[in-house]
Amino acid sequence: MKYTGFVCTLAAILAVLTLTGCGAKKQARVAAPPPPPIAMSSATSASTPSPSARPESTLPPAERKQEKIGESTGPISIPEPITPLATETGKASWYGPPYHNRRSSNGEIYDMHALTAAHRTLPLGSTVRVTNLKTGHSTTVRITDRGPFIEGRIVDLSMAAAKQADVWQAGVAQVRLEVLRTPVPFDRGGRWAVQIGSFRREGAANSVADRLCRRYKTAKVLRFSSPVGDWWVRVRVLQDDRKRAEEIARDTHTSEGKIFLVRLD
């Protein structure tokens, strides 16, 4: 009887263990729904710009400025009639990619869909009207960048401005540039430098920069590459003085690249 009772007890224990094991297996096979995704707060997403909003500058860190709020892409309002402060005639070109979304000389992010332009010597923030002499179409733009650094050209338009002035498809066109207003006097003052390039090889740019460093002890010589892969040398004279920059531009010679006087502000 004891043996029979022991066998029954043992059988009962084994049955309980077997049922427990099956229950564990059944529980493991149940597919629990995944946890809901964590929603990013609007504050976090607003404070984290996309990579394209943080472009690499085409200038060294010492030349970079703080990012400014972008201007309107719509037409620029100018009271009419207005007498131009100055007039210039020459060739206009335009630039878009790969400069789009990169920092302009005035610190703004360049938007090729906005009505802006690049000029070598007018104060940043100036407003100019550019008229295609062949078609008569014109565009009014703000000067936000420096260039064009190609001999014979006087202004580089954004893509939007180039379309308005019929320069986009032609690529280059003869234009009349009228200075309508400037934030500071354009015929005096300013901070000036000399820009030399472009060089296809970094070694050529380094050679010119080293020679200028040895010759002009008080000048600051910078080397940097552009988004299209060529190299440039910029010479900043003591106190960014225009007369001294003009002397360096006149006395500097190079077998590769051109020499341009450029206003920094």
Protein backbone atom coordinates (compact mmCIF):
# COMPACT_ATOMS: atom_id res chain seq x y z
CA MET A 1 0.00 0.00 0.00
CA LYS A 2 2.86 2.35 0.82
CA TYR A 3 4.50 1.46 -2.47
CA THR A 4 1.24 1.99 -4.34
CA GLY A 5 0.71 5.34 -2.62
CA PHE A 6 4.26 6.36 -3.46
CA VAL A 7 3.72 5.50 -7.12
CA CYS A 8 0.50 7.51 -7.21
CA THR A 9 2.16 10.49 -5.57
CA LEU A 10 5.06 10.31 -7.99
CA ALA A 11 2.68 10.10 -10.95
CA ALA A 12 0.79 13.14 -9.70
CA ILE A 13 4.00 15.16 -9.36
CA LEU A 14 5.11 14.21 -12.89
CA ALA A 15 1.71 15.24 -14.26
CA VAL A 16 1.96 18.64 -12.61
CA LEU A 17 5.49 19.17 -13.99
CA THR A 18 4.38 18.13 -17.46
CA LEU A 19 1.45 20.55 -17.44
CA THR A 20 3.68 23.36 -16.16
CA GLY A 21 6.22 22.73 -18.95
CA CYS A 22 3.57 22.83 -21.67
CA GLY A 23 2.16 25.99 -20.21
CA ALA A 24 5.61 27.60 -20.43
CA LYS A 25 6.00 26.58 -24.06
CA LYS A 26 2.55 27.92 -24.98
CA GLN A 27 3.34 31.21 -23.27
CA ALA A 28 6.61 31.58 -25.25
CA ARG A 29 4.82 31.17 -28.58
CA VAL A 30 2.47 34.11 -28.00
CA ALA A 31 3.65 37.04 -30.17
CA ALA A 32 3.41 40.18 -28.09
CA PRO A 33 2.75 43.39 -30.08
CA PRO A 34 5.81 45.67 -30.44
CA PRO A 35 5.94 48.75 -28.24
CA PRO A 36 4.69 51.95 -29.89
CA PRO A 37 7.42 54.13 -31.43
CA ILE A 38 8.67 57.02 -29.34
CA ALA A 39 7.47 60.24 -30.96
CA MET A 40 10.08 62.98 -31.36
CA SER A 41 8.97 66.19 -29.74
CA SER A 42 8.49 69.21 -31.95
CA ALA A 43 11.14 71.08 -29.99
CA THR A 44 13.71 68.39 -30.66
CA SER A 45 13.02 68.16 -34.37
CA ALA A 46 13.05 71.91 -34.75
CA SER A 47 16.43 72.23 -33.06
CA THR A 48 18.06 69.49 -35.14
CA PRO A 49 18.58 70.73 -38.70
CA SER A 50 19.02 68.37 -41.61
CA PRO A 51 22.58 67.71 -42.84
CA SER A 52 21.93 69.95 -45.85
CA ALA A 53 21.25 72.84 -43.50
CA ARG A 54 24.78 72.59 -42.08
CA PRO A 55 26.95 72.84 -45.16
CA GLU A 56 30.72 72.98 -45.24
CA SER A 57 31.99 76.48 -45.97
CA THR A 58 34.19 77.09 -48.98
CA LEU A 59 36.41 79.27 -46.79
CA PRO A 60 38.61 78.43 -43.80
CA PRO A 61 37.08 78.63 -40.30
CA ALA A 62 38.66 82.05 -39.75
CA GLU A 63 36.66 83.42 -42.66
CA ARG A 64 33.28 81.98 -41.65
CA LYS A 65 30.46 84.11 -40.20
CA GLN A 66 27.38 83.32 -38.19
CA GLU A 67 24.42 82.03 -40.17
CA LYS A 68 21.76 84.64 -40.82
CA ILE A 69 18.06 84.30 -41.43
CA GLY A 70 17.38 83.82 -45.13
CA GLU A 71 15.67 86.55 -47.08
CA SER A 72 12.50 86.29 -49.11
CA THR A 73 12.74 84.56 -52.48
CA GLY A 74 10.19 86.98 -53.95
CA PRO A 75 10.85 90.14 -55.96
CA ILE A 76 12.81 92.97 -54.34
CA SER A 77 10.82 96.17 -53.99
CA ILE A 78 12.53 99.29 -55.33
CA PRO A 79 10.72 102.63 -55.53
CA GLU A 80 10.51 103.96 -59.08
CA PRO A 81 11.85 106.03 -60.60
CA ILE A 82 15.31 105.70 -59.08
CA THR A 83 18.60 107.06 -60.34
CA PRO A 84 21.37 104.42 -60.26
CA LEU A 85 24.34 105.22 -58.06
CA ALA A 86 26.66 103.62 -60.61
CA THR A 87 26.49 101.60 -63.81
CA GLU A 88 28.72 98.79 -65.06
CA THR A 89 28.65 96.84 -68.31
CA GLY A 90 30.08 93.37 -68.82
CA LYS A 91 29.31 89.67 -68.81
CA ALA A 92 27.00 87.94 -66.37
CA SER A 93 26.99 84.24 -65.54
CA TRP A 94 25.07 82.20 -62.98
CA TYR A 95 25.77 79.58 -60.33
CA GLY A 96 23.65 76.88 -58.71
CA PRO A 97 24.73 73.37 -57.70
CA PRO A 98 27.14 72.53 -56.15
CA TYR A 99 27.04 75.88 -54.30
CA HIS A 100 23.37 75.52 -53.34
CA ASN A 101 22.89 75.22 -49.54
CA ARG A 102 26.45 76.33 -48.84
CA ARG A 103 27.40 79.41 -46.90
CA SER A 104 27.65 82.67 -48.82
CA SER A 105 30.18 85.41 -48.10
CA ASN A 106 27.65 87.37 -46.01
CA GLY A 107 26.97 84.37 -43.75
CA GLU A 108 23.63 83.34 -45.23
CA ILE A 109 23.00 79.91 -46.71
CA TYR A 110 22.98 80.29 -50.48
CA ASP A 111 19.61 79.47 -52.04
CA MET A 112 19.77 79.29 -55.83
CA HIS A 113 15.99 79.88 -55.92
CA ALA A 114 16.30 83.29 -54.24
CA LEU A 115 17.04 86.53 -56.08
CA THR A 116 20.68 87.05 -55.13
CA ALA A 117 24.01 87.53 -56.86
CA ALA A 118 27.77 87.60 -56.36
CA HIS A 119 29.97 90.62 -57.07
CA ARG A 120 33.63 91.13 -56.28
CA THR A 121 33.68 94.70 -54.96
CA LEU A 122 30.19 96.02 -54.14
CA PRO A 123 29.30 96.03 -50.41
CA LEU A 124 27.43 92.94 -49.28
CA GLY A 125 23.74 93.75 -49.01
CA SER A 126 23.73 96.08 -52.02
CA THR A 127 20.76 95.98 -54.37
CA VAL A 128 21.44 95.99 -58.11
CA ARG A 129 19.43 95.65 -61.29
CA VAL A 130 20.91 93.45 -64.02
CA THR A 131 19.55 93.89 -67.56
CA ASN A 132 20.27 91.54 -70.45
CA LEU A 133 21.36 93.86 -73.29
CA LYS A 134 20.21 91.39 -75.95
CA THR A 135 16.70 90.60 -74.72
CA GLY A 136 15.94 93.58 -72.46
CA HIS A 137 14.84 91.32 -69.59
CA SER A 138 16.09 92.30 -66.15
CA THR A 139 16.26 91.12 -62.56
CA THR A 140 16.75 92.96 -59.26
CA VAL A 141 18.94 91.15 -56.75
CA ARG A 142 20.80 91.48 -53.45
CA ILE A 143 24.58 91.03 -53.39
CA THR A 144 25.20 88.23 -50.89
CA ASP A 145 28.34 86.56 -52.23
CA ARG A 146 31.74 87.19 -53.80
CA GLY A 147 32.60 86.41 -57.42
CA PRO A 148 32.66 85.70 -60.26
CA PHE A 149 36.35 84.87 -60.23
CA ILE A 150 36.62 84.57 -63.97
CA GLU A 151 38.22 87.34 -65.98
CA GLY A 152 35.77 89.42 -68.00
CA ARG A 153 32.70 88.66 -65.89
CA ILE A 154 31.19 91.24 -63.55
CA VAL A 155 28.34 89.42 -61.78
CA ASP A 156 27.27 85.87 -60.94
CA LEU A 157 23.49 85.49 -60.68
CA SER A 158 21.53 82.90 -58.74
CA MET A 159 19.60 80.44 -60.90
CA ALA A 160 16.31 82.23 -60.19
CA ALA A 161 17.78 85.61 -61.15
CA ALA A 162 19.43 84.13 -64.24
CA LYS A 163 16.06 82.86 -65.45
CA GLN A 164 14.52 86.32 -65.04
CA ALA A 165 17.34 87.98 -66.99
CA ASP A 166 17.58 85.32 -69.74
CA VAL A 167 21.07 84.27 -68.63
CA TRP A 168 20.15 80.77 -67.47
CA GLN A 169 20.05 78.94 -70.81
CA ALA A 170 22.74 81.05 -72.45
CA GLY A 171 25.10 80.56 -69.50
CA VAL A 172 26.82 83.90 -70.11
CA ALA A 173 25.27 87.13 -71.41
CA GLN A 174 26.24 90.75 -71.89
CA VAL A 175 24.46 92.86 -69.26
CA ARG A 176 24.18 96.29 -67.74
CA LEU A 177 24.47 96.35 -63.95
CA GLU A 178 22.93 99.31 -62.13
CA VAL A 179 23.68 99.90 -58.45
CA LEU A 180 20.38 100.97 -56.87
CA ARG A 181 21.31 101.13 -53.18
CA THR A 182 24.12 100.11 -50.85
CA PRO A 183 24.20 99.71 -47.05
CA VAL A 184 27.51 101.61 -46.85
CA PRO A 185 29.42 103.81 -49.30
CA PHE A 186 30.81 101.67 -52.11
CA ASP A 187 33.49 104.12 -53.27
CA ARG A 188 35.41 104.36 -50.00
CA GLY A 189 36.19 102.36 -46.88
CA GLY A 190 35.64 98.60 -46.76
CA ARG A 191 37.83 95.63 -45.97
CA TRP A 192 39.86 94.39 -48.92
CA ALA A 193 41.89 91.36 -49.92
CA VAL A 194 43.47 89.72 -52.95
CA GLN A 195 42.17 86.40 -54.27
CA ILE A 196 44.26 84.26 -56.62
CA GLY A 197 43.09 81.20 -58.53
CA SER A 198 41.77 78.89 -59.49
CA PHE A 199 44.46 76.22 -59.30
CA ARG A 200 43.72 72.70 -60.43
CA ARG A 201 46.35 71.25 -58.11
CA GLU A 202 46.73 71.89 -54.40
CA GLY A 203 50.51 71.93 -54.81
CA ALA A 204 50.34 74.90 -57.17
CA ALA A 205 48.22 76.85 -54.68
CA ASN A 206 50.62 75.97 -51.86
CA SER A 207 53.59 77.14 -53.91
CA VAL A 208 52.04 80.56 -54.56
CA ALA A 209 50.88 80.88 -50.94
CA ASP A 210 54.33 80.03 -49.56
CA ARG A 211 55.97 82.58 -51.86
CA LEU A 212 53.54 85.30 -50.75
CA CYS A 213 54.06 84.42 -47.07
CA ARG A 214 57.81 84.94 -47.44
CA ARG A 215 57.37 88.19 -49.35
CA TYR A 216 54.65 89.85 -47.26
CA LYS A 217 55.46 89.23 -43.60
CA THR A 218 52.43 91.06 -42.18
CA ALA A 219 49.85 89.58 -44.57
CA LYS A 220 47.65 86.63 -43.72
CA VAL A 221 47.69 84.08 -46.54
CA LEU A 222 44.85 81.54 -46.67
CA ARG A 223 44.46 78.45 -48.85
CA PHE A 224 41.11 76.77 -49.45
CA SER A 225 39.33 74.55 -51.94
CA SER A 226 36.04 75.24 -53.69
CA PRO A 227 33.06 72.83 -53.96
CA VAL A 228 34.12 71.99 -57.51
CA GLY A 229 37.58 70.83 -56.43
CA ASP A 230 39.87 73.68 -57.48
CA TRP A 231 42.10 75.65 -55.10
CA TRP A 232 42.33 79.32 -54.18
CA VAL A 233 44.74 81.59 -52.32
CA ARG A 234 43.51 84.66 -50.44
CA VAL A 235 45.85 87.34 -49.14
CA ARG A 236 44.57 89.57 -46.34
CA VAL A 237 46.80 92.57 -45.82
CA LEU A 238 47.33 94.45 -42.59
CA GLN A 239 44.04 96.06 -41.48
CA ASP A 240 42.48 94.87 -44.79
CA ASP A 241 43.60 98.17 -46.32
CA ARG A 242 42.46 98.69 -49.91
CA LYS A 243 45.56 100.57 -51.10
CA ARG A 244 47.86 97.84 -49.80
CA ALA A 245 45.67 95.11 -51.33
CA GLU A 246 45.78 96.91 -54.68
CA GLU A 247 49.60 97.00 -54.50
CA ILE A 248 49.78 93.25 -53.88
CA ALA A 249 47.34 92.58 -56.73
CA ARG A 250 49.45 94.71 -59.07
CA ASP A 251 52.82 93.24 -58.01
CA THR A 252 51.80 89.55 -57.87
CA HIS A 253 52.29 87.33 -60.90
CA THR A 254 51.46 83.67 -61.40
CA SER A 255 51.59 81.34 -64.39
CA GLU A 256 48.41 79.58 -63.27
CA GLY A 257 45.26 81.34 -62.10
CA LYS A 258 44.11 84.97 -62.14
CA ILE A 259 44.42 87.74 -59.57
CA PHE A 260 41.36 89.59 -58.26
CA LEU A 261 40.78 92.43 -55.84
CA VAL A 262 37.86 91.51 -53.57
CA ARG A 263 35.93 93.33 -50.88
CA LEU A 264 35.23 91.24 -47.79
CA ASP A 265 32.37 93.23 -46.24
